[in-house]
Amino acid sequence: MPPPLGPRARRSRRTRRSTSNTLSGALLAAAERLGVDHRLRGAHALYAATAARPGCPLLSWDGELIARVGAVSPRDWLAANPTAGDAPNWS
């Protein structure tokens, strides 16, 4: 079970924007290749392939993703990006 969220992560959760991705043949092919190359289960391969498309960091508490494809825990990512958890000023 992941540790409780700190104040920056809670604030980020309230202000984040979500993105939706279409499940295309290209995305499925990328997921299949990642799954074979890194011995990932289906859902993990799809998650990793989706994160790789826009070039965003793959954040996960899952040890399999961290060990096999270089995912970073949210805690480690926030430590390396201290201002990322600050709420954006959209006014």
C-alpha atoms as a PDB file:
ATOM      1  CA  MET A   1       0.000   0.000   0.000  1.00  0.00           C
ATOM      2  CA  PRO A   2       1.465   3.406  -0.927  1.00  0.00           C
ATOM      3  CA  PRO A   3       2.244   5.852   1.873  1.00  0.00           C
ATOM      4  CA  PRO A   4      -0.175   8.698   2.558  1.00  0.00           C
ATOM      5  CA  LEU A   5       0.093  11.738   0.305  1.00  0.00           C
ATOM      6  CA  GLY A   6       1.910  14.832   1.521  1.00  0.00           C
ATOM      7  CA  PRO A   7       0.422  18.337   1.205  1.00  0.00           C
ATOM      8  CA  ARG A   8       2.053  19.064  -2.188  1.00  0.00           C
ATOM      9  CA  ALA A   9       0.772  15.832  -3.703  1.00  0.00           C
ATOM     10  CA  ARG A  10      -2.742  16.405  -2.322  1.00  0.00           C
ATOM     11  CA  ARG A  11      -2.731  19.923  -3.798  1.00  0.00           C
ATOM     12  CA  SER A  12      -1.460  18.564  -7.120  1.00  0.00           C
ATOM     13  CA  ARG A  13      -4.186  15.921  -7.143  1.00  0.00           C
ATOM     14  CA  ARG A  14      -6.851  18.632  -6.815  1.00  0.00           C
ATOM     15  CA  THR A  15      -5.430  20.762  -9.631  1.00  0.00           C
ATOM     16  CA  ARG A  16      -4.170  18.210 -12.145  1.00  0.00           C
ATOM     17  CA  ARG A  17      -5.453  18.046 -15.671  1.00  0.00           C
ATOM     18  CA  SER A  18      -6.318  14.672 -17.082  1.00  0.00           C
ATOM     19  CA  THR A  19      -5.573  13.445 -20.552  1.00  0.00           C
ATOM     20  CA  SER A  20      -7.303  10.703 -22.430  1.00  0.00           C
ATOM     21  CA  ASN A  21      -5.515   8.480 -24.941  1.00  0.00           C
ATOM     22  CA  THR A  22      -7.135   6.461 -27.694  1.00  0.00           C
ATOM     23  CA  LEU A  23      -6.269   2.793 -27.669  1.00  0.00           C
ATOM     24  CA  SER A  24      -4.784   2.574 -31.165  1.00  0.00           C
ATOM     25  CA  GLY A  25      -2.974  -0.151 -33.039  1.00  0.00           C
ATOM     26  CA  ALA A  26       0.286   1.791 -32.660  1.00  0.00           C
ATOM     27  CA  LEU A  27      -0.145   2.032 -28.886  1.00  0.00           C
ATOM     28  CA  LEU A  28      -0.964  -1.661 -28.629  1.00  0.00           C
ATOM     29  CA  ALA A  29       2.093  -2.541 -30.747  1.00  0.00           C
ATOM     30  CA  ALA A  30       4.317  -0.382 -28.518  1.00  0.00           C
ATOM     31  CA  ALA A  31       2.837  -2.042 -25.419  1.00  0.00           C
ATOM     32  CA  GLU A  32       3.392  -5.483 -26.900  1.00  0.00           C
ATOM     33  CA  ARG A  33       7.040  -4.666 -27.679  1.00  0.00           C
ATOM     34  CA  LEU A  34       7.623  -3.275 -24.162  1.00  0.00           C
ATOM     35  CA  GLY A  35       5.930  -6.304 -22.641  1.00  0.00           C
ATOM     36  CA  VAL A  36       8.135  -8.727 -24.560  1.00  0.00           C
ATOM     37  CA  ASP A  37      11.377  -6.764 -24.111  1.00  0.00           C
ATOM     38  CA  HIS A  38      10.909  -6.122 -20.374  1.00  0.00           C
ATOM     39  CA  ARG A  39       8.762  -9.115 -19.361  1.00  0.00           C
ATOM     40  CA  LEU A  40       5.807  -6.962 -18.321  1.00  0.00           C
ATOM     41  CA  ARG A  41       2.232  -8.037 -17.750  1.00  0.00           C
ATOM     42  CA  GLY A  42      -0.367  -6.622 -20.154  1.00  0.00           C
ATOM     43  CA  ALA A  43      -1.655  -3.739 -18.044  1.00  0.00           C
ATOM     44  CA  HIS A  44       1.858  -2.699 -17.025  1.00  0.00           C
ATOM     45  CA  ALA A  45       3.037  -2.743 -20.642  1.00  0.00           C
ATOM     46  CA  LEU A  46       0.096  -0.588 -21.702  1.00  0.00           C
ATOM     47  CA  TYR A  47       0.712   1.862 -18.848  1.00  0.00           C
ATOM     48  CA  ALA A  48       4.414   2.161 -19.770  1.00  0.00           C
ATOM     49  CA  ALA A  49       3.643   2.584 -23.479  1.00  0.00           C
ATOM     50  CA  THR A  50       1.055   5.279 -22.741  1.00  0.00           C
ATOM     51  CA  ALA A  51       3.536   7.235 -20.620  1.00  0.00           C
ATOM     52  CA  ALA A  52       6.238   6.931 -23.295  1.00  0.00           C
ATOM     53  CA  ARG A  53       4.097   8.418 -26.074  1.00  0.00           C
ATOM     54  CA  PRO A  54       4.058  12.047 -24.926  1.00  0.00           C
ATOM     55  CA  GLY A  55       7.456  11.662 -23.272  1.00  0.00           C
ATOM     56  CA  CYS A  56       6.124  12.111 -19.753  1.00  0.00           C
ATOM     57  CA  PRO A  57       7.728  10.419 -16.750  1.00  0.00           C
ATOM     58  CA  LEU A  58       6.378   7.032 -15.753  1.00  0.00           C
ATOM     59  CA  LEU A  59       5.359   7.381 -12.100  1.00  0.00           C
ATOM     60  CA  SER A  60       4.329   4.308 -10.167  1.00  0.00           C
ATOM     61  CA  TRP A  61       4.490   2.715  -6.749  1.00  0.00           C
ATOM     62  CA  ASP A  62       4.696  -0.667  -8.501  1.00  0.00           C
ATOM     63  CA  GLY A  63       8.032  -2.403  -7.979  1.00  0.00           C
ATOM     64  CA  GLU A  64       7.779  -4.278 -11.290  1.00  0.00           C
ATOM     65  CA  LEU A  65       7.555  -1.052 -13.301  1.00  0.00           C
ATOM     66  CA  ILE A  66      10.321   0.576 -11.260  1.00  0.00           C
ATOM     67  CA  ALA A  67      12.679  -2.383 -11.663  1.00  0.00           C
ATOM     68  CA  ARG A  68      11.958  -3.307 -15.274  1.00  0.00           C
ATOM     69  CA  VAL A  69      11.296  -0.072 -17.156  1.00  0.00           C
ATOM     70  CA  GLY A  70      12.732   2.643 -14.920  1.00  0.00           C
ATOM     71  CA  ALA A  71       9.504   4.030 -13.469  1.00  0.00           C
ATOM     72  CA  VAL A  72      10.000   6.487 -10.621  1.00  0.00           C
ATOM     73  CA  SER A  73       7.998   6.535  -7.409  1.00  0.00           C
ATOM     74  CA  PRO A  74       5.901   9.684  -6.975  1.00  0.00           C
ATOM     75  CA  ARG A  75       7.828  10.455  -3.769  1.00  0.00           C
ATOM     76  CA  ASP A  76      11.201  10.295  -5.569  1.00  0.00           C
ATOM     77  CA  TRP A  77       9.890  12.339  -8.502  1.00  0.00           C
ATOM     78  CA  LEU A  78       8.579  15.081  -6.189  1.00  0.00           C
ATOM     79  CA  ALA A  79      11.916  15.122  -4.343  1.00  0.00           C
ATOM     80  CA  ALA A  80      13.728  15.646  -7.667  1.00  0.00           C
ATOM     81  CA  ASN A  81      11.172  18.265  -8.830  1.00  0.00           C
ATOM     82  CA  PRO A  82      10.399  20.284  -5.674  1.00  0.00           C
ATOM     83  CA  THR A  83       8.166  22.885  -7.315  1.00  0.00           C
ATOM     84  CA  ALA A  84       6.120  20.361  -9.307  1.00  0.00           C
ATOM     85  CA  GLY A  85       3.693  19.787  -6.427  1.00  0.00           C
ATOM     86  CA  ASP A  86       2.898  23.490  -6.076  1.00  0.00           C
ATOM     87  CA  ALA A  87      -0.564  24.436  -7.194  1.00  0.00           C
ATOM     88  CA  PRO A  88      -0.481  26.288 -10.526  1.00  0.00           C
ATOM     89  CA  ASN A  89      -1.714  29.861 -10.702  1.00  0.00           C
ATOM     90  CA  TRP A  90      -4.355  29.698 -13.437  1.00  0.00           C
ATOM     91  CA  SER A  91      -5.981  33.042 -12.720  1.00  0.00           C
END
